[in-house]
Amino acid sequence: MTGLPPLERRTLGAAFDRVLDARPDEEAQAGEDGRYTFAQVHDRSLLIAGGTARLGVGRGDVLALMLDNHLDSIHTWFGLSLTGGVEVPINTAYKGEFLTHILNDCGATVLVCEERYCERIAMVLDDLRHLQTVVVRGGTGEALAGTRLRRLEFAELLDGPAAARVDVRPDELMAYMYTSGTTGASKGVELTHAHGYTYSSREDAERPHRRDRILVTLPTFHLAAQGFGIYQALVAQAFAYLAPGFSVSGFWPLVRRERITMTTMLGAISELLQQQAPGPDDADNPLELAIMAPLASDIDAFRSRFGVGLIPVYGMSEIGCVMTSAPEDTIPGEAGSSRGNYDLRLVDEDGRDVPDGTVGQLIVRPHVPHTVLAAYHNLPEKTADTVRDGWVHTGDAFTRDADGHYRFVDRIKDALRRRGENISSFELEAAINQFPDVYESAVVGVPSPEFNEDEVKAVVVVREGAQADPVELTRFLIDRVPYFMVPRFLEFVPELPKTPTMKVRKAELRDEGVHDRVWDREAAGITVTRHS
């Protein structure tokens, strides 16, 4: 553990300089599309950058990527970053207005795209103001034949001279990372090289180290996959394996085959693994550390069953990673303690600091410049509202205990208020998910039929083979949560609407409100009071 380097060395190029000097011929990356040493990754990335430069993408220019999980995606991103280009990764689930918005907002004239997504481009082409060229991976882009767009195959990027490295400054833009857009149009977070490096590096922690082997199952258009997976491995001079995605059945076989020692688990991944039938060899695996956001619901059970240490983290595209804990210090339900490198405060609606144990909005100020968002692209008013006097307002509510452990309470916009009481949807969901027949849930506020306030609605997915009874679930909650948190409305659905990064689209659930498939506790004659 050495600590992060000075600001001027927080770039992808500087990370490559160190590893190429130390171990150029050791294996760096692998996936279903090949295995590469550090030197091969570096040289192939510059070869791809030579191809994109021939298409007019130079220093400061944006290149949009709509690519699946494979090393071609990583090397295209690396090539851009080594030559001063700006990456715009696009969520591969996007289509229609979502896709149009990002391509128009970022201004990309060139898109690198999977063959399977070309039809989506064709469907919105009349609304695209800037796009001129599509580089197609895995085909020829027949869906775009006869359109105004120029087409070429990905292999053509490799058919020419490599680009020359550029001495990129840490304050130059590295990417626009578009938010998942769970409520409105996605916002492009302008990410500098210093921001990307600081988010990714764990040089201020014991792990990862050079002997680690890191598994990436998250989608590569997501900052966690890029930063906490691929980039973090490069900084640590460690090996990274990029999987096509997360597979419950394939996870442990892959961990064993590739001798994986570290991975990152977001959303429901840890719960999906815990829900599998126990086996006699569960702990017989090389995985040593799992970085989790949020932590598994039962960290002791997870650790003992799989023999894995757990590390909580909290971060977002706007601020990077600002909380974590060492495995031996991790406590149930926490998001971590202050990582350092940032000032963290919890404040009330008037911007005043709240005492320990009190809910407040997290605001963040970096110690080193250029290590939080530079701006929201094309959104100066939103930028000014988010960054005030150097403090980034996260919109997330937390509490902090006397030992400095932070606990996530809710997104402020998702918090509910019923009968004068504040309700954390996050905490209520955790209680609902403890019911044996429940797989997962989402809690939202919906208008009361009788009063000018919200009622609590829980949308629940039942475990395979189970048939959850609304009365049994309600009785279960009456015994476990404050009376005012017990949902009035319950709806059982096959699945929750989500973004590909596992965020529930709560706006959709709120908009659906109360309809004929929703069970009403009060109509069923079940009332709850302070003394229930």
Protein backbone atom coordinates (compact mmCIF):
# COMPACT_ATOMS: atom_id res chain seq x y z
CA MET A 1 0.00 0.00 0.00
CA THR A 2 1.66 3.20 -1.22
CA GLY A 3 -1.13 5.74 -1.56
CA LEU A 4 -2.31 7.38 -4.75
CA PRO A 5 0.25 9.14 -6.96
CA PRO A 6 0.31 12.92 -7.41
CA LEU A 7 -2.38 14.43 -9.63
CA GLU A 8 -0.19 14.63 -12.74
CA ARG A 9 0.30 10.83 -12.71
CA ARG A 10 -3.39 9.95 -12.47
CA THR A 11 -3.97 8.97 -16.08
CA LEU A 12 -4.33 5.72 -17.96
CA GLY A 13 -1.08 6.43 -19.78
CA ALA A 14 0.82 6.76 -16.50
CA ALA A 15 -0.64 3.44 -15.30
CA PHE A 16 0.53 1.79 -18.51
CA ASP A 17 4.01 3.34 -18.18
CA ARG A 18 4.45 1.70 -14.79
CA VAL A 19 3.24 -1.75 -15.78
CA LEU A 20 5.14 -1.80 -19.08
CA ASP A 21 8.29 -0.98 -17.19
CA ALA A 22 7.67 -3.68 -14.57
CA ARG A 23 6.00 -6.66 -16.28
CA PRO A 24 5.13 -6.11 -19.96
CA ASP A 25 5.00 -9.80 -20.89
CA GLU A 26 2.76 -11.06 -18.08
CA GLU A 27 -0.85 -11.90 -18.81
CA ALA A 28 -3.07 -8.86 -18.24
CA GLN A 29 -6.51 -9.60 -19.61
CA ALA A 30 -8.57 -12.50 -20.86
CA GLY A 31 -12.09 -13.15 -22.03
CA GLU A 32 -13.98 -15.24 -24.51
CA ASP A 33 -12.33 -13.29 -27.34
CA GLY A 34 -8.71 -13.86 -26.35
CA ARG A 35 -5.87 -13.53 -23.86
CA TYR A 36 -3.36 -10.65 -23.85
CA THR A 37 -0.23 -9.51 -22.03
CA PHE A 38 0.10 -5.95 -20.78
CA ALA A 39 2.25 -5.05 -23.80
CA GLN A 40 -0.24 -6.62 -26.19
CA VAL A 41 -3.15 -4.74 -24.59
CA HIS A 42 -1.24 -1.48 -24.93
CA ASP A 43 -0.22 -2.03 -28.53
CA ARG A 44 -3.60 -3.36 -29.68
CA SER A 45 -5.37 -0.40 -28.05
CA LEU A 46 -3.20 2.03 -29.99
CA LEU A 47 -3.82 0.06 -33.18
CA ILE A 48 -7.57 0.48 -32.71
CA ALA A 49 -7.03 4.16 -31.88
CA GLY A 50 -5.24 4.51 -35.22
CA GLY A 51 -8.38 3.24 -36.91
CA THR A 52 -10.71 5.60 -35.08
CA ALA A 53 -8.34 8.50 -35.80
CA ARG A 54 -8.69 7.75 -39.52
CA LEU A 55 -12.42 8.28 -39.03
CA GLY A 56 -11.80 11.74 -37.62
CA VAL A 57 -11.82 10.99 -33.89
CA GLY A 58 -8.92 12.95 -32.45
CA ARG A 59 -7.91 14.53 -29.17
CA GLY A 60 -10.96 15.90 -27.41
CA ASP A 61 -13.40 14.21 -29.81
CA VAL A 62 -16.07 11.83 -28.60
CA LEU A 63 -16.59 8.26 -29.75
CA ALA A 64 -19.81 6.47 -28.86
CA LEU A 65 -19.62 2.76 -27.99
CA MET A 66 -22.61 0.43 -27.92
CA LEU A 67 -20.77 -2.79 -27.23
CA ASP A 68 -21.20 -5.99 -25.26
CA ASN A 69 -18.68 -7.39 -22.75
CA HIS A 70 -15.56 -8.34 -24.66
CA LEU A 71 -11.97 -7.16 -24.88
CA ASP A 72 -12.56 -5.29 -28.15
CA SER A 73 -14.69 -2.91 -26.09
CA ILE A 74 -11.96 -2.46 -23.49
CA HIS A 75 -9.19 -1.93 -26.03
CA THR A 76 -11.26 0.62 -27.95
CA TRP A 77 -11.77 2.56 -24.71
CA PHE A 78 -8.08 2.25 -23.79
CA GLY A 79 -7.02 3.44 -27.24
CA LEU A 80 -9.19 6.53 -26.93
CA SER A 81 -7.84 7.34 -23.47
CA LEU A 82 -4.23 6.92 -24.55
CA THR A 83 -4.72 9.35 -27.44
CA GLY A 84 -6.92 12.00 -25.82
CA GLY A 85 -10.29 10.89 -27.16
CA VAL A 86 -13.47 10.86 -25.08
CA GLU A 87 -15.42 7.65 -24.60
CA VAL A 88 -19.23 7.64 -24.51
CA PRO A 89 -20.38 4.12 -23.52
CA ILE A 90 -24.08 3.51 -24.20
CA ASN A 91 -26.30 1.19 -22.21
CA THR A 92 -26.96 -1.73 -24.57
CA ALA A 93 -30.61 -1.89 -23.50
CA TYR A 94 -31.30 1.56 -24.89
CA LYS A 95 -33.49 2.07 -27.92
CA GLY A 96 -35.86 4.67 -29.28
CA GLU A 97 -35.84 8.01 -27.48
CA PHE A 98 -33.30 6.82 -24.88
CA LEU A 99 -30.78 6.02 -27.61
CA THR A 100 -31.59 9.14 -29.62
CA HIS A 101 -31.09 11.36 -26.59
CA ILE A 102 -27.58 10.11 -25.82
CA LEU A 103 -26.32 10.13 -29.41
CA ASN A 104 -27.61 13.65 -29.97
CA ASP A 105 -26.54 14.96 -26.58
CA CYS A 106 -22.94 13.72 -26.79
CA GLY A 107 -22.52 14.88 -30.41
CA ALA A 108 -20.69 11.75 -31.60
CA THR A 109 -20.18 11.50 -35.34
CA VAL A 110 -18.83 7.93 -35.05
CA LEU A 111 -20.39 4.97 -33.26
CA VAL A 112 -18.83 1.55 -32.67
CA CYS A 113 -21.73 -0.86 -32.42
CA GLU A 114 -22.58 -4.55 -32.26
CA GLU A 115 -24.29 -5.95 -35.34
CA ARG A 116 -27.31 -6.83 -33.21
CA TYR A 117 -27.94 -3.17 -32.32
CA CYS A 118 -27.76 -1.73 -35.84
CA GLU A 119 -31.48 -2.16 -36.36
CA ARG A 120 -32.09 0.12 -33.40
CA ILE A 121 -29.91 2.78 -35.02
CA ALA A 122 -31.82 2.44 -38.27
CA MET A 123 -35.13 2.95 -36.47
CA VAL A 124 -34.11 6.33 -35.03
CA LEU A 125 -31.81 7.49 -37.82
CA ASP A 126 -34.10 10.32 -38.96
CA ASP A 127 -33.82 11.85 -35.48
CA LEU A 128 -30.01 11.62 -35.19
CA ARG A 129 -28.38 14.99 -35.78
CA HIS A 130 -24.66 14.18 -35.68
CA LEU A 131 -24.00 10.51 -36.43
CA GLN A 132 -22.19 9.90 -39.73
CA THR A 133 -20.28 6.62 -39.40
CA VAL A 134 -21.00 3.27 -37.76
CA VAL A 135 -18.25 0.73 -37.11
CA VAL A 136 -19.93 -2.67 -36.87
CA ARG A 137 -18.60 -5.46 -34.72
CA GLY A 138 -19.72 -8.98 -35.53
CA GLY A 139 -21.20 -8.26 -38.97
CA THR A 140 -21.62 -5.73 -41.73
CA GLY A 141 -24.57 -3.75 -40.41
CA GLU A 142 -27.05 -4.80 -43.09
CA ALA A 143 -29.83 -3.07 -41.18
CA LEU A 144 -28.12 0.21 -42.13
CA ALA A 145 -27.69 -0.60 -45.81
CA GLY A 146 -29.01 2.13 -48.07
CA THR A 147 -29.00 4.76 -45.34
CA ARG A 148 -26.94 7.94 -45.25
CA LEU A 149 -24.50 6.38 -42.77
CA ARG A 150 -21.05 5.18 -43.70
CA ARG A 151 -20.44 1.60 -42.56
CA LEU A 152 -17.27 -0.36 -41.93
CA GLU A 153 -16.38 -3.48 -40.01
CA PHE A 154 -14.51 -3.46 -36.72
CA ALA A 155 -11.59 -5.39 -38.22
CA GLU A 156 -10.88 -2.39 -40.44
CA LEU A 157 -9.87 -0.39 -37.37
CA LEU A 158 -6.97 -2.81 -36.94
CA ASP A 159 -5.92 -2.58 -40.60
CA GLY A 160 -3.52 0.32 -40.53
CA PRO A 161 -0.82 2.10 -38.53
CA ALA A 162 -1.19 2.50 -34.78
CA ALA A 163 -1.87 5.88 -33.25
CA ALA A 164 0.81 7.69 -31.28
CA ARG A 165 0.38 8.16 -27.55
CA VAL A 166 -0.63 11.62 -26.36
CA ASP A 167 0.60 13.17 -23.11
CA VAL A 168 -2.90 13.55 -21.71
CA ARG A 169 -3.40 15.95 -18.82
CA PRO A 170 -5.28 14.71 -15.74
CA ASP A 171 -7.88 17.47 -16.13
CA GLU A 172 -8.76 16.45 -19.70
CA LEU A 173 -12.01 14.61 -20.26
CA MET A 174 -11.85 10.83 -20.44
CA ALA A 175 -15.55 9.97 -20.81
CA TYR A 176 -19.15 11.03 -20.63
CA MET A 177 -20.74 8.43 -18.34
CA TYR A 178 -24.49 8.63 -18.80
CA THR A 179 -26.60 7.87 -15.76
CA SER A 180 -29.11 5.06 -15.95
CA GLY A 181 -32.06 7.40 -16.40
CA THR A 182 -34.41 5.76 -13.88
CA THR A 183 -36.57 8.89 -13.66
CA GLY A 184 -35.82 11.15 -16.62
CA ALA A 185 -33.43 11.66 -19.50
CA SER A 186 -29.96 10.31 -18.82
CA LYS A 187 -27.38 12.88 -17.76
CA GLY A 188 -23.83 12.74 -19.14
CA VAL A 189 -21.31 12.96 -16.29
CA GLU A 190 -18.13 14.52 -17.65
CA LEU A 191 -15.34 12.40 -16.21
CA THR A 192 -11.74 13.61 -16.22
CA HIS A 193 -8.71 11.33 -16.35
CA ALA A 194 -7.90 12.21 -12.73
CA HIS A 195 -11.46 11.35 -11.69
CA GLY A 196 -11.39 8.01 -13.52
CA TYR A 197 -8.03 7.06 -12.07
CA THR A 198 -8.94 8.05 -8.50
CA TYR A 199 -12.19 6.10 -8.66
CA SER A 200 -10.39 3.01 -9.97
CA SER A 201 -7.20 2.98 -7.91
CA ARG A 202 -6.93 1.18 -4.59
CA GLU A 203 -3.29 2.09 -4.04
CA ASP A 204 -4.52 3.39 -0.67
CA ALA A 205 -5.61 -0.13 0.37
CA GLU A 206 -4.03 -3.56 0.74
CA ARG A 207 -5.90 -5.08 -2.20
CA PRO A 208 -5.82 -5.61 -5.06
CA HIS A 209 -2.13 -6.42 -5.46
CA ARG A 210 -0.11 -7.85 -8.32
CA ARG A 211 -0.98 -11.46 -7.51
CA ASP A 212 -4.73 -10.88 -7.62
CA ARG A 213 -6.94 -12.18 -10.41
CA ILE A 214 -10.03 -10.00 -10.83
CA LEU A 215 -13.31 -11.14 -12.36
CA VAL A 216 -15.57 -8.62 -14.12
CA THR A 217 -19.17 -9.69 -14.73
CA LEU A 218 -20.81 -6.24 -14.79
CA PRO A 219 -21.58 -4.55 -18.13
CA THR A 220 -18.68 -2.56 -19.52
CA PHE A 221 -20.81 0.50 -20.24
CA HIS A 222 -21.01 0.84 -16.43
CA LEU A 223 -18.33 2.69 -14.48
CA ALA A 224 -18.06 -0.10 -11.90
CA ALA A 225 -17.01 -2.62 -14.55
CA GLN A 226 -14.54 -0.25 -16.13
CA GLY A 227 -13.13 1.29 -12.97
CA PHE A 228 -13.48 -1.29 -10.20
CA GLY A 229 -12.71 -4.07 -12.65
CA ILE A 230 -10.51 -3.46 -15.67
CA TYR A 231 -8.82 -0.16 -14.74
CA GLN A 232 -8.27 -1.18 -11.13
CA ALA A 233 -6.52 -4.34 -12.31
CA LEU A 234 -4.25 -2.30 -14.59
CA VAL A 235 -3.27 0.10 -11.80
CA ALA A 236 -2.52 -2.84 -9.50
CA GLN A 237 -0.71 -4.64 -12.34
CA ALA A 238 -3.06 -7.57 -11.76
CA PHE A 239 -4.90 -9.93 -14.12
CA ALA A 240 -8.52 -9.26 -15.14
CA TYR A 241 -10.99 -11.68 -16.69
CA LEU A 242 -13.93 -10.12 -18.53
CA ALA A 243 -17.02 -12.36 -18.60
CA PRO A 244 -19.93 -11.80 -21.03
CA GLY A 245 -22.13 -11.13 -18.00
CA PHE A 246 -23.16 -12.55 -14.67
CA SER A 247 -24.41 -16.15 -14.61
CA VAL A 248 -25.60 -17.77 -11.38
CA SER A 249 -24.80 -21.26 -12.61
CA GLY A 250 -21.56 -20.29 -14.29
CA PHE A 251 -20.11 -17.99 -11.62
CA TRP A 252 -18.30 -20.48 -9.37
CA PRO A 253 -17.04 -22.71 -12.22
CA LEU A 254 -15.52 -19.59 -13.82
CA VAL A 255 -14.00 -18.48 -10.51
CA ARG A 256 -12.36 -21.88 -10.10
CA ARG A 257 -11.21 -22.20 -13.72
CA GLU A 258 -9.57 -18.76 -13.83
CA ARG A 259 -8.36 -18.90 -10.21
CA ILE A 260 -10.19 -15.65 -9.43
CA THR A 261 -9.33 -13.96 -6.12
CA MET A 262 -11.44 -10.75 -6.30
CA THR A 263 -14.67 -9.55 -7.88
CA THR A 264 -17.28 -6.81 -7.55
CA MET A 265 -20.94 -7.62 -6.88
CA LEU A 266 -23.63 -4.98 -7.37
CA GLY A 267 -27.35 -5.14 -6.78
CA ALA A 268 -28.82 -8.59 -6.32
CA ILE A 269 -25.75 -10.64 -7.31
CA SER A 270 -24.83 -11.66 -3.77
CA GLU A 271 -28.43 -12.59 -2.98
CA LEU A 272 -28.72 -14.68 -6.14
CA LEU A 273 -25.63 -16.66 -5.12
CA GLN A 274 -26.92 -17.16 -1.58
CA GLN A 275 -30.27 -18.40 -2.83
CA GLN A 276 -28.73 -21.37 -4.64
CA ALA A 277 -28.99 -24.73 -2.90
CA PRO A 278 -25.96 -25.21 -0.60
CA GLY A 279 -23.29 -27.63 -1.79
CA PRO A 280 -20.50 -29.44 0.06
CA ASP A 281 -17.82 -27.60 -1.95
CA ASP A 282 -19.20 -24.04 -1.65
CA ALA A 283 -16.12 -22.85 0.25
CA ASP A 284 -13.75 -24.78 -2.01
CA ASN A 285 -12.94 -21.86 -4.28
CA PRO A 286 -10.06 -19.38 -4.74
CA LEU A 287 -12.19 -16.23 -4.28
CA GLU A 288 -10.84 -14.22 -1.36
CA LEU A 289 -12.63 -10.86 -1.55
CA ALA A 290 -15.98 -9.64 -2.86
CA ILE A 291 -16.57 -5.90 -3.13
CA MET A 292 -20.30 -5.33 -2.59
CA ALA A 293 -22.80 -2.51 -3.02
CA PRO A 294 -24.97 -3.18 -1.12
CA LEU A 295 -23.57 -5.76 1.27
CA ALA A 296 -25.17 -9.20 1.35
CA SER A 297 -28.19 -9.27 3.66
CA ASP A 298 -26.47 -11.83 5.92
CA ILE A 299 -22.75 -11.16 5.74
CA ASP A 300 -21.80 -13.81 8.30
CA ALA A 301 -23.68 -16.51 6.37
CA PHE A 302 -22.13 -15.42 3.08
CA ARG A 303 -18.62 -15.34 4.51
CA SER A 304 -18.88 -18.71 6.21
CA ARG A 305 -20.58 -20.49 3.32
CA PHE A 306 -18.25 -19.31 0.55
CA GLY A 307 -15.11 -18.52 2.54
CA VAL A 308 -15.01 -14.99 1.13
CA GLY A 309 -14.11 -11.69 2.77
CA LEU A 310 -16.53 -8.81 2.11
CA ILE A 311 -15.77 -5.16 1.42
CA PRO A 312 -18.56 -2.54 1.27
CA VAL A 313 -18.21 0.39 -1.09
CA TYR A 314 -20.24 3.43 -1.95
CA GLY A 315 -19.78 5.69 -4.91
CA MET A 316 -21.41 7.13 -7.98
CA SER A 317 -20.25 8.44 -11.33
CA GLU A 318 -20.34 12.01 -10.06
CA ILE A 319 -18.00 11.49 -7.08
CA GLY A 320 -16.16 8.21 -7.62
CA CYS A 321 -15.64 5.89 -4.66
CA VAL A 322 -15.78 7.74 -1.33
CA MET A 323 -16.57 4.97 1.18
CA THR A 324 -15.16 1.53 1.88
CA SER A 325 -13.97 -0.63 4.76
CA ALA A 326 -11.36 -3.31 5.30
CA PRO A 327 -12.85 -6.83 5.41
CA GLU A 328 -12.06 -7.23 9.10
CA ASP A 329 -13.84 -3.95 9.93
CA THR A 330 -17.01 -4.56 7.89
CA ILE A 331 -20.27 -4.52 9.86
CA PRO A 332 -23.74 -5.58 8.64
CA GLY A 333 -25.65 -3.09 6.54
CA GLU A 334 -22.94 -0.47 6.19
CA ALA A 335 -21.88 1.33 3.03
CA GLY A 336 -18.38 1.80 4.45
CA SER A 337 -16.33 4.43 6.22
CA SER A 338 -14.69 7.47 4.65
CA ARG A 339 -12.07 6.35 2.18
CA GLY A 340 -10.02 9.49 2.64
CA ASN A 341 -9.17 11.84 -0.24
CA TYR A 342 -12.60 13.46 0.28
CA ASP A 343 -14.48 15.44 2.92
CA LEU A 344 -17.87 13.88 3.70
CA ARG A 345 -20.75 15.63 5.44
CA LEU A 346 -24.35 14.71 6.23
CA VAL A 347 -26.60 17.76 6.11
CA ASP A 348 -30.27 18.66 6.56
CA GLU A 349 -32.46 20.52 4.08
CA ASP A 350 -30.89 23.83 5.13
CA GLY A 351 -27.33 22.58 4.64
CA ARG A 352 -26.57 22.24 8.35
CA ASP A 353 -24.58 19.27 9.61
CA VAL A 354 -26.63 16.63 11.40
CA PRO A 355 -25.38 14.69 14.45
CA ASP A 356 -24.41 11.01 14.36
CA GLY A 357 -27.44 8.74 14.11
CA THR A 358 -29.50 11.36 12.26
CA VAL A 359 -30.44 11.06 8.60
CA GLY A 360 -28.86 13.62 6.31
CA GLN A 361 -27.97 14.09 2.68
CA LEU A 362 -24.39 13.14 1.83
CA ILE A 363 -22.34 15.93 0.30
CA VAL A 364 -18.78 15.40 -0.88
CA ARG A 365 -15.76 17.65 -1.48
CA PRO A 366 -12.52 16.25 -2.96
CA HIS A 367 -9.09 17.01 -1.51
CA VAL A 368 -7.53 16.86 -4.99
CA PRO A 369 -8.95 18.90 -7.89
CA HIS A 370 -10.55 17.24 -10.94
CA THR A 371 -11.51 14.09 -9.01
CA VAL A 372 -15.28 14.63 -9.09
CA LEU A 373 -17.50 15.39 -12.07
CA ALA A 374 -16.35 18.23 -14.26
CA ALA A 375 -19.98 18.94 -15.21
CA TYR A 376 -23.16 17.39 -16.47
CA HIS A 377 -22.78 17.61 -20.24
CA ASN A 378 -24.93 20.39 -21.71
CA LEU A 379 -26.69 20.90 -18.36
CA PRO A 380 -25.17 23.96 -16.66
CA GLU A 381 -28.17 24.55 -14.37
CA LYS A 382 -28.17 20.93 -13.18
CA THR A 383 -24.41 21.16 -12.63
CA ALA A 384 -24.78 24.34 -10.58
CA ASP A 385 -27.53 22.74 -8.49
CA THR A 386 -25.43 19.64 -7.82
CA VAL A 387 -22.04 21.27 -7.15
CA ARG A 388 -22.33 24.17 -4.70
CA ASP A 389 -19.32 25.88 -3.17
CA GLY A 390 -17.18 22.90 -4.14
CA TRP A 391 -19.51 20.33 -2.50
CA VAL A 392 -21.21 17.68 -4.64
CA HIS A 393 -24.77 17.04 -3.43
CA THR A 394 -25.38 13.34 -3.98
CA GLY A 395 -29.13 13.15 -3.39
CA ASP A 396 -28.51 10.12 -1.15
CA ALA A 397 -29.55 9.98 2.50
CA PHE A 398 -27.28 8.32 5.09
CA THR A 399 -26.72 7.99 8.79
CA ARG A 400 -23.29 7.76 10.44
CA ASP A 401 -22.51 6.01 13.71
CA ALA A 402 -20.01 7.10 16.35
CA ASP A 403 -17.32 4.86 14.83
CA GLY A 404 -17.60 6.49 11.40
CA HIS A 405 -19.55 3.74 9.63
CA TYR A 406 -22.06 5.11 7.13
CA ARG A 407 -25.38 3.42 6.46
CA PHE A 408 -27.34 4.13 3.29
CA VAL A 409 -30.95 5.09 4.04
CA ASP A 410 -32.48 5.92 0.66
CA ARG A 411 -32.37 8.06 -2.41
CA ILE A 412 -33.94 11.27 -1.15
CA LYS A 413 -36.40 11.26 -4.05
CA ASP A 414 -37.47 7.70 -3.10
CA ALA A 415 -38.02 8.42 0.59
CA LEU A 416 -41.65 8.40 1.68
CA ARG A 417 -43.63 10.34 4.24
CA ARG A 418 -46.85 8.82 5.60
CA ARG A 419 -48.95 10.02 8.52
CA GLY A 420 -46.18 12.48 9.36
CA GLU A 421 -43.52 9.75 9.54
CA ASN A 422 -40.50 9.40 7.26
CA ILE A 423 -40.08 5.97 5.67
CA SER A 424 -36.96 4.56 4.04
CA SER A 425 -37.94 2.47 1.02
CA PHE A 426 -34.52 0.79 1.24
CA GLU A 427 -35.08 -0.37 4.82
CA LEU A 428 -38.65 -1.52 4.20
CA GLU A 429 -37.52 -3.49 1.14
CA ALA A 430 -34.88 -5.21 3.26
CA ALA A 431 -37.58 -6.27 5.73
CA ILE A 432 -39.90 -7.54 2.98
CA ASN A 433 -37.08 -9.52 1.42
CA GLN A 434 -36.65 -11.47 4.65
CA PHE A 435 -40.04 -13.15 4.11
CA PRO A 436 -39.20 -16.70 3.01
CA ASP A 437 -41.33 -16.64 -0.16
CA VAL A 438 -40.06 -13.24 -1.40
CA TYR A 439 -37.28 -13.01 -3.98
CA GLU A 440 -37.07 -9.20 -4.17
CA SER A 441 -39.23 -6.13 -3.77
CA ALA A 442 -39.52 -2.43 -4.47
CA VAL A 443 -41.36 0.13 -2.33
CA VAL A 444 -42.89 3.33 -3.71
CA GLY A 445 -45.34 5.96 -2.61
CA VAL A 446 -48.71 6.18 -4.38
CA PRO A 447 -51.50 8.71 -3.82
CA SER A 448 -53.94 7.84 -1.05
CA PRO A 449 -57.53 7.36 -2.23
CA GLU A 450 -58.77 9.21 0.85
CA PHE A 451 -56.09 11.67 1.97
CA ASN A 452 -53.81 14.24 0.43
CA GLU A 453 -50.65 12.21 1.06
CA ASP A 454 -48.89 9.06 -0.04
CA GLU A 455 -49.67 5.50 0.87
CA VAL A 456 -47.01 2.78 0.82
CA LYS A 457 -47.09 0.28 -2.02
CA ALA A 458 -44.77 -2.72 -2.21
CA VAL A 459 -44.21 -4.48 -5.53
CA VAL A 460 -43.04 -8.01 -4.83
CA VAL A 461 -41.43 -10.79 -6.86
CA VAL A 462 -42.07 -14.23 -5.39
CA ARG A 463 -39.45 -16.98 -5.36
CA GLU A 464 -39.78 -19.66 -8.01
CA GLY A 465 -42.27 -22.29 -6.92
CA ALA A 466 -43.66 -20.17 -4.07
CA GLN A 467 -47.05 -18.54 -3.71
CA ALA A 468 -46.81 -15.61 -1.33
CA ASP A 469 -49.97 -14.78 0.53
CA PRO A 470 -50.55 -11.01 1.05
CA VAL A 471 -52.09 -11.58 4.47
CA GLU A 472 -49.16 -13.72 5.64
CA LEU A 473 -46.66 -11.18 4.33
CA THR A 474 -48.52 -8.35 6.06
CA ARG A 475 -48.62 -10.22 9.38
CA PHE A 476 -44.91 -10.89 8.97
CA LEU A 477 -44.21 -7.18 8.55
CA ILE A 478 -46.47 -6.10 11.41
CA ASP A 479 -44.19 -8.06 13.73
CA ARG A 480 -41.00 -6.52 12.29
CA VAL A 481 -41.43 -2.91 11.19
CA PRO A 482 -43.01 0.22 12.71
CA TYR A 483 -46.75 0.36 12.17
CA PHE A 484 -46.54 3.31 9.78
CA MET A 485 -44.19 1.38 7.45
CA VAL A 486 -46.51 -1.60 6.87
CA PRO A 487 -47.58 -1.31 3.20
CA ARG A 488 -51.22 -0.67 2.52
CA PHE A 489 -50.90 -1.93 -1.04
CA LEU A 490 -49.20 -5.10 -2.30
CA GLU A 491 -48.70 -6.14 -5.90
CA PHE A 492 -47.10 -9.42 -6.97
CA VAL A 493 -45.28 -9.36 -10.32
CA PRO A 494 -43.05 -11.78 -12.28
CA GLU A 495 -40.16 -9.29 -12.30
CA LEU A 496 -39.30 -5.70 -11.47
CA PRO A 497 -38.52 -3.22 -14.26
CA LYS A 498 -34.79 -2.56 -14.11
CA THR A 499 -31.93 -0.93 -15.89
CA PRO A 500 -29.13 -3.28 -17.01
CA THR A 501 -27.15 -2.11 -13.97
CA MET A 502 -29.79 -3.61 -11.67
CA LYS A 503 -31.44 -0.34 -10.62
CA VAL A 504 -35.21 -0.61 -10.25
CA ARG A 505 -37.12 1.85 -12.40
CA LYS A 506 -39.24 3.13 -9.53
CA ALA A 507 -40.75 5.91 -11.63
CA GLU A 508 -42.57 3.24 -13.65
CA LEU A 509 -43.91 1.62 -10.47
CA ARG A 510 -45.07 4.98 -9.11
CA ASP A 511 -46.80 5.81 -12.39
CA GLU A 512 -48.71 2.51 -12.34
CA GLY A 513 -50.24 3.48 -9.00
CA VAL A 514 -53.14 1.41 -7.69
CA HIS A 515 -55.07 -0.77 -10.14
CA ASP A 516 -57.21 -3.90 -10.08
CA ARG A 517 -54.23 -6.25 -9.58
CA VAL A 518 -53.17 -4.50 -6.38
CA TRP A 519 -54.18 -5.95 -3.01
CA ASP A 520 -55.42 -3.37 -0.49
CA ARG A 521 -54.76 -4.20 3.17
CA GLU A 522 -57.48 -1.90 4.42
CA ALA A 523 -60.05 -3.31 2.00
CA ALA A 524 -59.09 -6.74 3.36
CA GLY A 525 -59.96 -5.54 6.85
CA ILE A 526 -56.41 -5.44 8.25
CA THR A 527 -55.62 -2.25 10.14
CA VAL A 528 -52.40 -1.38 11.89
CA THR A 529 -51.94 1.02 14.77
CA ARG A 530 -49.12 2.18 16.99
CA HIS A 531 -49.90 -0.74 19.28
CA SER A 532 -50.24 -3.44 16.58
